[in-house]
Each structure stands twice: as structure tokens, then as C-alpha cells.
N, C-alpha and C. Protein backbone atom coordinates (compact mmCIF):
# COMPACT_ATOMS: atom_id res chain seq x y z
N UNK A 1 14.95 -8.38 20.49
CA UNK A 1 14.34 -7.39 19.02
C UNK A 1 13.11 -7.79 18.95
N UNK A 2 12.22 -6.94 18.80
CA UNK A 2 10.76 -7.21 18.41
C UNK A 2 10.25 -7.60 16.92
N UNK A 3 9.67 -8.36 16.25
CA UNK A 3 9.32 -8.29 14.69
C UNK A 3 8.21 -7.10 14.60
N UNK A 4 8.20 -6.68 13.55
CA UNK A 4 6.95 -5.59 13.14
C UNK A 4 5.86 -6.49 13.04
N UNK A 5 4.74 -6.08 13.08
CA UNK A 5 3.24 -6.89 13.03
C UNK A 5 2.77 -6.21 11.49
N UNK A 6 2.26 -7.11 11.07
CA UNK A 6 1.58 -6.50 9.75
C UNK A 6 2.15 -7.24 8.75
N UNK A 7 1.83 -6.69 7.58
CA UNK A 7 2.56 -7.24 6.36
C UNK A 7 3.61 -6.53 5.58
N UNK A 8 4.21 -6.97 4.36
CA UNK A 8 5.28 -5.99 3.96
C UNK A 8 4.64 -5.56 2.64
N UNK A 9 4.35 -4.11 2.30
CA UNK A 9 3.96 -3.31 1.23
C UNK A 9 4.73 -3.65 0.05
N UNK A 10 4.19 -4.20 -0.82
CA UNK A 10 5.26 -4.13 -2.34
C UNK A 10 5.69 -3.19 -2.65
N UNK A 11 5.09 -1.98 -2.47
CA UNK A 11 6.00 -0.78 -2.90
C UNK A 11 6.87 -0.20 -2.35
N UNK A 12 6.40 0.03 -0.87
CA UNK A 12 7.17 0.89 -0.36
C UNK A 12 8.18 -0.13 0.57
N UNK A 13 7.63 -1.42 0.67
CA UNK A 13 8.39 -2.53 1.75
C UNK A 13 8.32 -1.99 2.82
N UNK A 14 7.42 -1.22 3.56
CA UNK A 14 7.58 -0.95 4.90
C UNK A 14 6.46 -2.27 5.44
N UNK A 15 6.35 -2.42 6.55
CA UNK A 15 5.83 -3.40 7.39
C UNK A 15 4.63 -2.59 7.86
N UNK A 16 3.41 -3.00 7.35
CA UNK A 16 2.23 -2.23 8.31
C UNK A 16 0.89 -3.12 8.33
N UNK A 17 0.39 -2.81 9.21
CA UNK A 17 -1.25 -3.67 9.45
C UNK A 17 -1.94 -3.17 8.75
N UNK A 18 -2.09 -2.18 7.62
CA UNK A 18 -3.21 -2.27 6.43
C UNK A 18 -2.86 -2.65 5.34
N UNK A 19 -2.06 -3.33 5.02
CA UNK A 19 -1.91 -3.58 3.60
C UNK A 19 -2.48 -4.68 3.68
N UNK A 20 -3.28 -4.31 1.85
CA UNK A 20 -4.50 -5.19 1.82
C UNK A 20 -5.82 -4.44 2.04
N UNK A 21 -5.88 -3.53 2.67
CA UNK A 21 -6.84 -2.54 3.25
C UNK A 21 -8.15 -2.16 2.04
N UNK A 22 -7.13 -1.92 0.74
CA UNK A 22 -7.69 -1.15 -0.48
C UNK A 22 -7.91 -2.79 -1.40
N UNK A 23 -9.17 -3.09 -1.99
CA UNK A 23 -9.16 -4.07 -2.50
C UNK A 23 -8.73 -3.88 -3.98
N UNK A 24 -8.75 -2.86 -4.27
CA UNK A 24 -8.00 -2.80 -5.85
C UNK A 24 -6.41 -2.94 -6.00
N UNK A 25 -5.88 -2.66 -4.97
CA UNK A 25 -4.21 -2.50 -4.53
C UNK A 25 -4.16 -3.91 -3.30
N UNK A 26 -4.46 -5.01 -3.37
CA UNK A 26 -3.92 -6.10 -2.34
C UNK A 26 -2.93 -6.24 -1.46
N UNK A 27 -1.57 -5.79 -2.50
CA UNK A 27 -0.46 -5.75 -1.92
C UNK A 27 0.14 -4.32 -1.41
N UNK A 28 -0.67 -3.57 -1.15
CA UNK A 28 -0.24 -2.56 -0.87
C UNK A 28 -0.64 -1.56 0.22
N UNK A 29 -0.04 -0.96 0.92
CA UNK A 29 -0.66 -0.35 2.18
C UNK A 29 -1.70 0.60 1.96
N UNK A 30 -2.54 1.38 2.81
CA UNK A 30 -3.61 1.95 2.58
C UNK A 30 -2.72 3.36 1.73
N UNK A 31 -1.88 3.93 2.55
CA UNK A 31 -1.44 5.16 2.03
C UNK A 31 -0.62 5.04 0.43
N UNK A 32 0.17 3.93 0.44
CA UNK A 32 0.38 3.73 -1.12
C UNK A 32 -0.43 3.18 -2.03
N UNK A 33 -1.31 2.69 -1.91
CA UNK A 33 -2.73 2.53 -2.72
C UNK A 33 -3.15 3.97 -3.00
N UNK A 34 -3.28 4.64 -1.86
CA UNK A 34 -3.67 5.95 -2.27
C UNK A 34 -3.00 6.73 -3.12
N UNK A 35 -1.64 6.72 -3.13
CA UNK A 35 -0.66 7.49 -3.69
C UNK A 35 -0.59 7.01 -5.27
N UNK A 36 -0.91 5.39 -5.63
CA UNK A 36 -0.97 4.72 -6.94
C UNK A 36 -2.28 5.41 -7.50
N UNK A 37 -3.41 5.14 -6.84
CA UNK A 37 -4.77 5.96 -7.33
C UNK A 37 -4.51 7.22 -8.02
N UNK A 38 -3.86 7.94 -7.27
CA UNK A 38 -3.52 9.13 -7.56
C UNK A 38 -2.70 9.41 -8.79
N UNK A 39 -1.62 9.13 -8.74
CA UNK A 39 -0.69 8.67 -10.07
C UNK A 39 -1.75 8.25 -11.11
N UNK A 40 -2.45 7.16 -11.03
CA UNK A 40 -3.36 6.39 -12.12
C UNK A 40 -4.63 7.71 -12.66
N UNK A 41 -5.05 8.43 -11.43
CA UNK A 41 -5.89 9.28 -11.93
C UNK A 41 -5.07 10.45 -13.23
N UNK A 42 -4.03 10.66 -12.72
CA UNK A 42 -3.30 11.80 -13.19
C UNK A 42 -2.76 11.46 -14.97
N UNK A 43 -2.36 10.04 -14.75
CA UNK A 43 -2.12 9.55 -15.78
C UNK A 43 -3.51 9.43 -16.90
N UNK A 44 -4.88 9.33 -16.48
CA UNK A 44 -5.89 8.83 -17.38
C UNK A 44 -6.00 10.45 -17.76
N UNK A 45 -5.75 11.66 -16.99
CA UNK A 45 -6.15 12.95 -17.09
C UNK A 45 -5.65 13.56 -18.37
């Protein structure tokens, strides 16, 4: 068994190498950071 490379996303719990790539959401993967950004934008509108 091999361990996954990367860090654990705080939102999805997936292990990916892109966690922390978005400085606004340092604990999230790029995919989840984009989703949260979209949710936040809709909440403000």
C-alpha cells in the first residue's frame, strides 16, 4: 500500500498536492477553494 502524496483538504478531506495553492483558503484544495469562492460570491449578491 502506498500513501497518497499531498495534504488533506479541510473541506473535502481529499489528499491532493494543490492544498494551499489559493492564499485566501490555505487549508483547501484548488477545487474546493473555487467552490467556496463561488458560494461566498452568491451569498453576497
